[in-house]
Protein backbone atom coordinates (compact mmCIF):
# COMPACT_ATOMS: atom_id res chain seq x y z
CA UNK A 1 123.30 106.13 92.37
CA UNK A 2 121.56 108.25 89.67
CA UNK A 3 118.65 107.42 87.51
CA UNK A 4 118.11 109.57 84.37
CA UNK A 5 115.31 109.13 81.69
CA UNK A 6 115.67 110.04 78.23
CA UNK A 7 111.92 109.22 77.09
CA UNK A 8 109.90 106.27 76.44
CA UNK A 9 111.40 103.22 78.21
CA UNK A 10 115.07 104.47 77.95
CA UNK A 11 116.95 105.16 81.19
CA UNK A 12 120.66 105.26 82.21
CA UNK A 13 121.84 104.03 85.56
CA UNK A 14 125.11 105.26 86.87
CA UNK A 15 127.06 104.81 90.15
CA UNK A 16 130.73 105.62 90.84
CA UNK A 17 132.99 102.64 90.05
CA UNK A 18 130.21 100.54 88.75
CA UNK A 19 129.27 99.78 85.35
CA UNK A 20 126.83 102.13 83.37
CA UNK A 21 123.41 100.48 82.41
CA UNK A 22 121.39 101.84 79.54
CA UNK A 23 117.64 100.18 79.20
CA UNK A 24 115.55 100.07 76.16
CA UNK A 25 117.40 102.51 73.87
CA UNK A 26 114.88 103.80 71.21
CA UNK A 27 114.95 104.83 67.41
CA UNK A 28 113.87 108.48 67.99
CA UNK A 29 112.38 108.33 64.24
CA UNK A 30 109.93 105.99 65.27
CA UNK A 31 108.94 107.12 69.02
CA UNK A 32 110.20 110.75 69.05
CA UNK A 33 112.22 112.55 71.66
CA UNK A 34 115.89 113.58 70.73
CA UNK A 35 118.14 111.31 69.12
CA UNK A 36 120.09 109.22 71.84
CA UNK A 37 124.02 109.55 72.12
CA UNK A 38 124.77 107.69 75.31
CA UNK A 39 127.62 105.72 76.73
CA UNK A 40 127.25 102.51 78.66
CA UNK A 41 129.01 99.29 79.17
CA UNK A 42 125.84 97.27 79.85
CA UNK A 43 122.55 97.67 77.61
CA UNK A 44 119.34 95.72 78.35
CA UNK A 45 116.64 95.19 75.76
CA UNK A 46 113.16 94.18 77.07
CA UNK A 47 111.87 93.23 73.37
CA UNK A 48 112.75 93.28 70.08
CA UNK A 49 110.99 96.62 68.52
CA UNK A 50 112.48 99.99 67.41
CA UNK A 51 111.10 101.78 70.49
CA UNK A 52 113.45 99.42 72.59
CA UNK A 53 116.47 97.85 70.81
CA UNK A 54 118.50 100.69 69.04
CA UNK A 55 121.88 99.69 70.11
CA UNK A 56 123.43 102.02 67.70
CA UNK A 57 122.38 104.92 69.99
CA UNK A 58 124.95 103.57 72.58
CA UNK A 59 128.70 103.69 72.59
CA UNK A 60 131.07 101.62 74.62
CA UNK A 61 128.69 98.63 74.98
CA UNK A 62 130.52 95.46 76.27
CA UNK A 63 127.30 93.37 77.24
CA UNK A 64 123.92 93.41 75.70
CA UNK A 65 121.32 91.38 77.58
CA UNK A 66 118.04 90.68 75.93
CA UNK A 67 116.61 87.43 77.47
CA UNK A 68 116.30 85.64 80.91
CA UNK A 69 119.31 84.68 83.21
CA UNK A 70 121.45 86.20 85.99
CA UNK A 71 124.34 88.08 85.33
CA UNK A 72 127.19 90.12 87.22
CA UNK A 73 128.98 92.74 85.19
CA UNK A 74 131.13 95.51 86.51
CA UNK A 75 129.81 95.22 90.13
CA UNK A 76 126.15 95.14 89.11
CA UNK A 77 123.85 92.07 89.67
CA UNK A 78 121.39 91.76 86.92
CA UNK A 79 118.38 89.36 87.30
CA UNK A 80 116.35 89.14 83.85
CA UNK A 81 112.84 87.34 84.10
CA UNK A 82 110.94 86.30 80.97
CA UNK A 83 107.37 87.15 81.45
CA UNK A 84 105.04 84.41 80.24
CA UNK A 85 103.69 84.73 76.68
CA UNK A 86 100.87 86.58 78.21
CA UNK A 87 97.71 85.29 76.51
CA UNK A 88 99.37 82.11 74.68
CA UNK A 89 100.41 81.59 71.22
CA UNK A 90 96.95 82.50 69.72
CA UNK A 91 97.39 86.29 70.68
CA UNK A 92 99.77 87.44 68.31
CA UNK A 93 99.96 90.73 69.55
CA UNK A 94 101.37 89.88 72.88
CA UNK A 95 105.29 90.60 72.85
CA UNK A 96 107.81 88.36 74.73
CA UNK A 97 109.04 90.79 77.17
CA UNK A 98 112.03 90.89 79.83
CA UNK A 99 111.98 92.33 83.02
CA UNK A 100 115.20 93.30 84.56
CA UNK A 101 116.20 94.02 88.33
CA UNK A 102 119.59 95.78 88.67
CA UNK A 103 121.34 95.41 92.15
CA UNK A 104 123.87 98.27 92.71
CA UNK A 105 125.37 97.41 96.16
CA UNK A 106 121.99 96.88 97.65
CA UNK A 107 119.82 99.24 95.78
CA UNK A 108 117.68 97.58 93.33
CA UNK A 109 115.96 98.89 90.44
CA UNK A 110 113.64 96.92 88.40
CA UNK A 111 112.67 97.93 84.76
CA UNK A 112 109.37 96.28 83.40
CA UNK A 113 109.97 96.83 79.69
CA UNK A 114 106.65 96.75 77.87
CA UNK A 115 104.99 94.51 80.51
CA UNK A 116 101.33 94.11 79.42
CA UNK A 117 99.80 92.08 82.14
CA UNK A 118 99.83 92.22 85.77
CA UNK A 119 102.77 89.67 86.62
CA UNK A 120 102.15 86.30 88.34
CA UNK A 121 102.96 85.79 91.97
CA UNK A 122 106.12 83.70 90.89
CA UNK A 123 107.21 86.48 88.53
CA UNK A 124 106.86 89.02 91.40
CA UNK A 125 108.81 86.75 93.57
CA UNK A 126 111.40 86.24 91.13
CA UNK A 127 111.97 90.11 91.13
CA UNK A 128 112.92 90.00 94.71
CA UNK A 129 112.86 93.16 96.71
CA UNK A 130 112.71 96.35 94.57
CA UNK A 131 113.55 99.90 95.63
CA UNK A 132 112.89 101.42 92.76
CA UNK A 133 110.24 100.29 90.04
CA UNK A 134 110.58 101.73 86.41
CA UNK A 135 107.01 100.81 85.09
CA UNK A 136 105.13 101.69 81.99
CA UNK A 137 101.87 103.38 82.75
CA UNK A 138 100.53 104.59 79.30
CA UNK A 139 98.92 101.52 77.74
CA UNK A 140 99.69 101.22 73.90
CA UNK A 141 100.84 97.68 74.07
CA UNK A 142 101.98 97.98 77.84
CA UNK A 143 100.46 98.41 81.00
CA UNK A 144 97.65 100.90 81.27
CA UNK A 145 97.08 103.18 84.35
CA UNK A 146 94.89 101.02 86.37
CA UNK A 147 97.09 97.95 85.79
CA UNK A 148 100.16 99.68 86.63
CA UNK A 149 98.53 100.76 89.83
CA UNK A 150 97.96 97.19 90.49
CA UNK A 151 101.43 96.14 89.95
CA UNK A 152 102.87 98.89 92.02
CA UNK A 153 100.80 97.47 95.07
CA UNK A 154 101.90 93.68 94.11
CA UNK A 155 105.50 94.74 94.32
CA UNK A 156 105.43 97.46 96.91
CA UNK A 157 108.38 99.22 96.00
CA UNK A 158 110.03 102.51 97.84
CA UNK A 159 110.02 104.56 94.65
CA UNK A 160 107.95 104.57 91.54
CA UNK A 161 109.23 106.14 88.37
CA UNK A 162 106.47 105.99 85.60
CA UNK A 163 107.85 105.70 81.78
CA UNK A 164 106.19 104.88 78.44
CA UNK A 165 103.45 107.50 78.50
CA UNK A 166 102.49 110.58 76.11
CA UNK A 167 104.49 113.62 76.41
CA UNK A 168 104.86 116.48 73.77
CA UNK A 169 107.98 114.83 72.33
CA UNK A 170 106.50 111.38 71.96
CA UNK A 171 105.13 110.22 68.51
CA UNK A 172 103.55 107.10 70.28
CA UNK A 173 99.87 106.80 70.56
CA UNK A 174 99.86 106.66 74.56
CA UNK A 175 97.92 107.72 77.58
CA UNK A 176 98.86 110.60 79.58
CA UNK A 177 100.56 110.35 82.95
CA UNK A 178 97.67 111.97 84.62
CA UNK A 179 95.53 108.96 84.46
CA UNK A 180 98.26 107.11 86.34
CA UNK A 181 98.68 109.63 88.93
CA UNK A 182 95.21 109.78 89.55
CA UNK A 183 94.87 105.97 90.02
CA UNK A 184 97.75 106.50 92.61
CA UNK A 185 95.45 109.02 94.31
CA UNK A 186 97.92 111.64 93.48
CA UNK A 187 97.52 115.12 91.88
CA UNK A 188 100.06 116.99 89.80
CA UNK A 189 103.69 115.98 90.55
CA UNK A 190 106.83 118.07 90.13
CA UNK A 191 109.16 116.49 87.54
CA UNK A 192 112.82 116.53 88.45
CA UNK A 193 115.83 116.01 86.15
CA UNK A 194 117.07 112.82 87.60
CA UNK A 195 116.56 110.99 90.80
CA UNK A 196 119.74 110.35 93.08
CA UNK A 197 119.43 107.83 95.76
CA UNK A 198 120.95 106.40 98.58
CA UNK A 199 119.98 103.25 100.80
CA UNK A 200 119.53 105.55 103.90
CA UNK A 201 117.44 107.90 101.66
CA UNK A 202 114.58 105.57 100.34
CA UNK A 203 111.31 106.39 101.79
CA UNK A 204 109.23 103.81 104.02
CA UNK A 205 106.09 104.45 101.86
CA UNK A 206 105.83 104.23 98.07
CA UNK A 207 106.59 107.61 96.63
CA UNK A 208 106.17 108.28 92.94
CA UNK A 209 108.82 110.34 91.33
CA UNK A 210 108.11 111.74 87.90
CA UNK A 211 111.47 112.61 85.66
CA UNK A 212 111.69 115.13 83.16
CA UNK A 213 113.10 113.40 79.88
CA UNK A 214 116.66 114.68 78.99
CA UNK A 215 118.18 115.18 75.73
CA UNK A 216 120.32 111.93 75.09
């Protein structure tokens, strides 16, 4: 399968003869990056905000998922887990957030949306085995570098792809990727245009893969 990043929290997941998924399509006027012009049968929305819910940017949608549940669409098994209100009703800044795990014939990809707090043990267990973790690392209403590093060690994925951090094209006030790489004990990491993975090609030790954002 192939994973492509378009900036912020927006990815496209593709695999021949399976439904295509787009996660958290954004309004580029609000968050920066290039305008999105994507095609996918399935769109998932982690929470209702302009940086994450711009359905107009995606053509061909047959299914929109924006809350908890289990789904099977076009050969893709999707588990959606609502994270706790993170801080209770008193804290108005805490958004309701949905995490998604996509299972493409045994390769599992988890998208954590705008997760703000380290998940509970039960939330981690609900995700099951995660091969590829798409995780926010830049703060700004989601996990900061230190918390993101903690989440990686809890979930223990084969591959980590950071998202939701400062780039030259981003208009959102976020921390740089370097903070997260330092937390993970890494120096500068080469970017690649997309990630192609097979089950046999998954690394045994957790590996961080940095993607270049693509033009939508």
